[in-house]
Protein backbone atom coordinates (compact mmCIF):
# COMPACT_ATOMS: atom_id res chain seq x y z
CA MET A 1 254.94 172.40 -62.09
CA ASN A 2 251.04 171.32 -61.44
CA ARG A 3 250.64 172.32 -65.05
CA SER A 4 253.34 170.05 -66.48
CA MET A 5 251.99 167.27 -64.70
CA LEU A 6 248.42 167.54 -65.97
CA LEU A 7 249.61 168.46 -69.38
CA MET A 8 251.88 165.52 -69.82
CA PRO A 9 249.25 162.14 -69.21
CA ALA A 10 246.84 164.50 -71.67
CA LEU A 11 249.69 164.48 -74.18
CA LEU A 12 250.39 160.66 -73.65
CA ALA A 13 246.78 159.85 -73.92
CA ALA A 14 246.58 161.62 -77.26
CA LEU A 15 249.17 159.91 -78.58
CA ALA A 16 248.19 156.56 -77.60
CA LEU A 17 244.38 157.18 -79.16
CA SER A 18 246.00 158.78 -82.37
CA ALA A 19 247.80 154.80 -82.55
CA CYS A 20 244.61 153.53 -82.16
CA ASP A 21 243.01 154.93 -85.07
CA LYS A 22 244.94 153.37 -87.85
CA GLN A 23 242.94 151.08 -90.02
CA PRO A 24 243.93 147.30 -89.79
CA VAL A 25 245.57 145.75 -92.89
CA VAL A 26 243.69 142.60 -94.22
CA VAL A 27 245.86 140.26 -95.83
CA ASN A 28 244.34 137.53 -98.04
CA MET A 29 245.58 134.10 -97.92
CA PRO A 30 245.40 132.08 -101.39
CA THR A 31 243.44 129.17 -100.59
CA THR A 32 245.03 125.58 -101.18
CA PRO A 33 242.67 123.28 -103.06
CA VAL A 34 241.31 120.68 -101.03
CA ALA A 35 241.01 117.14 -102.44
CA VAL A 36 237.49 115.67 -102.27
CA PRO A 37 237.10 111.98 -102.67
CA GLY A 38 234.96 110.97 -105.75
CA PRO A 39 232.42 107.87 -105.92
CA ALA A 40 233.84 104.48 -104.76
CA GLY A 41 235.02 102.57 -107.93
CA PRO A 42 234.06 98.96 -108.66
CA GLN A 43 234.72 96.04 -106.22
CA GLY A 44 237.50 94.22 -107.03
CA THR A 45 238.01 90.28 -107.61
CA THR A 46 238.13 88.16 -104.77
CA GLY A 47 241.78 87.11 -103.45
CA SER A 48 243.12 83.64 -103.63
CA THR A 49 242.24 81.04 -100.72
CA GLY A 50 245.38 81.28 -98.06
CA THR A 51 247.85 78.26 -97.27
CA THR A 52 246.99 75.71 -94.32
CA GLY A 53 248.36 76.53 -91.00
CA ALA A 54 250.87 74.34 -89.43
CA THR A 55 249.83 71.35 -87.02
CA GLY A 56 249.96 72.03 -83.30
CA THR A 57 252.10 70.18 -80.84
CA THR A 58 250.51 67.07 -79.26
CA GLY A 59 249.02 67.71 -75.89
CA VAL A 60 250.19 66.31 -72.45
CA THR A 61 249.26 62.86 -71.62
CA GLY A 62 246.50 62.75 -69.08
CA THR A 63 246.66 61.04 -65.76
CA THR A 64 245.65 57.27 -65.07
CA GLY A 65 242.21 56.87 -64.12
CA ALA A 66 240.99 55.33 -60.82
CA THR A 67 240.89 51.57 -60.46
CA GLY A 68 237.80 50.00 -60.68
CA GLU A 69 235.78 48.14 -58.14
CA VAL A 70 236.50 44.23 -57.51
CA GLY A 71 233.57 42.20 -58.96
CA LYS A 72 231.18 39.60 -57.15
CA PRO A 73 232.48 36.35 -57.15
CA GLY A 74 230.98 33.88 -59.49
CA LYS A 75 228.52 31.03 -59.11
CA PRO A 76 230.19 27.57 -58.83
CA GLY A 77 229.74 25.21 -61.60
CA GLU A 78 227.54 22.03 -61.86
CA ASN A 79 229.53 18.66 -61.81
CA SER A 80 232.70 20.26 -63.05
CA THR A 81 236.08 19.29 -61.79
CA VAL A 82 238.75 22.14 -61.45
CA ILE A 83 242.23 20.78 -62.42
CA VAL A 84 245.20 22.98 -60.96
CA LEU A 85 248.94 22.21 -61.97
CA PRO A 86 251.84 22.88 -60.27
CA PRO A 87 254.37 25.60 -61.33
CA GLU A 88 256.89 24.44 -64.03
CA PRO A 89 260.31 23.82 -62.26
CA ALA A 90 263.12 26.16 -63.28
CA PRO A 91 265.64 25.27 -65.92
CA ALA A 92 269.03 24.08 -64.24
CA ALA A 93 271.89 26.28 -64.68
CA SER A 94 274.64 24.70 -66.78
CA ALA A 95 277.97 24.40 -65.44
CA PRO A 96 280.72 26.39 -67.07
CA ALA A 97 282.70 24.62 -69.74
CA HIS A 98 286.69 24.29 -68.94
């Protein structure tokens, strides 16, 4: 039994090594042509001017400014008379026609 146990791994090792002795097969793949860009061509003509954009909407009205300071009182005039007229009376309401 000892001989068969020693013989069996030796046979397996011999088979494994004999399988490794095969020459690898090299397959040549056909090369695909690669497009190489050529030199740049001449510059094209300038394009036409674009159209004017739409007018924007009107902005929001700003807030009212602060009230200014009261001015200094004026100097009285020389030898002048100020005439103040009373307010005109309101027109009388007319009576409805019968």
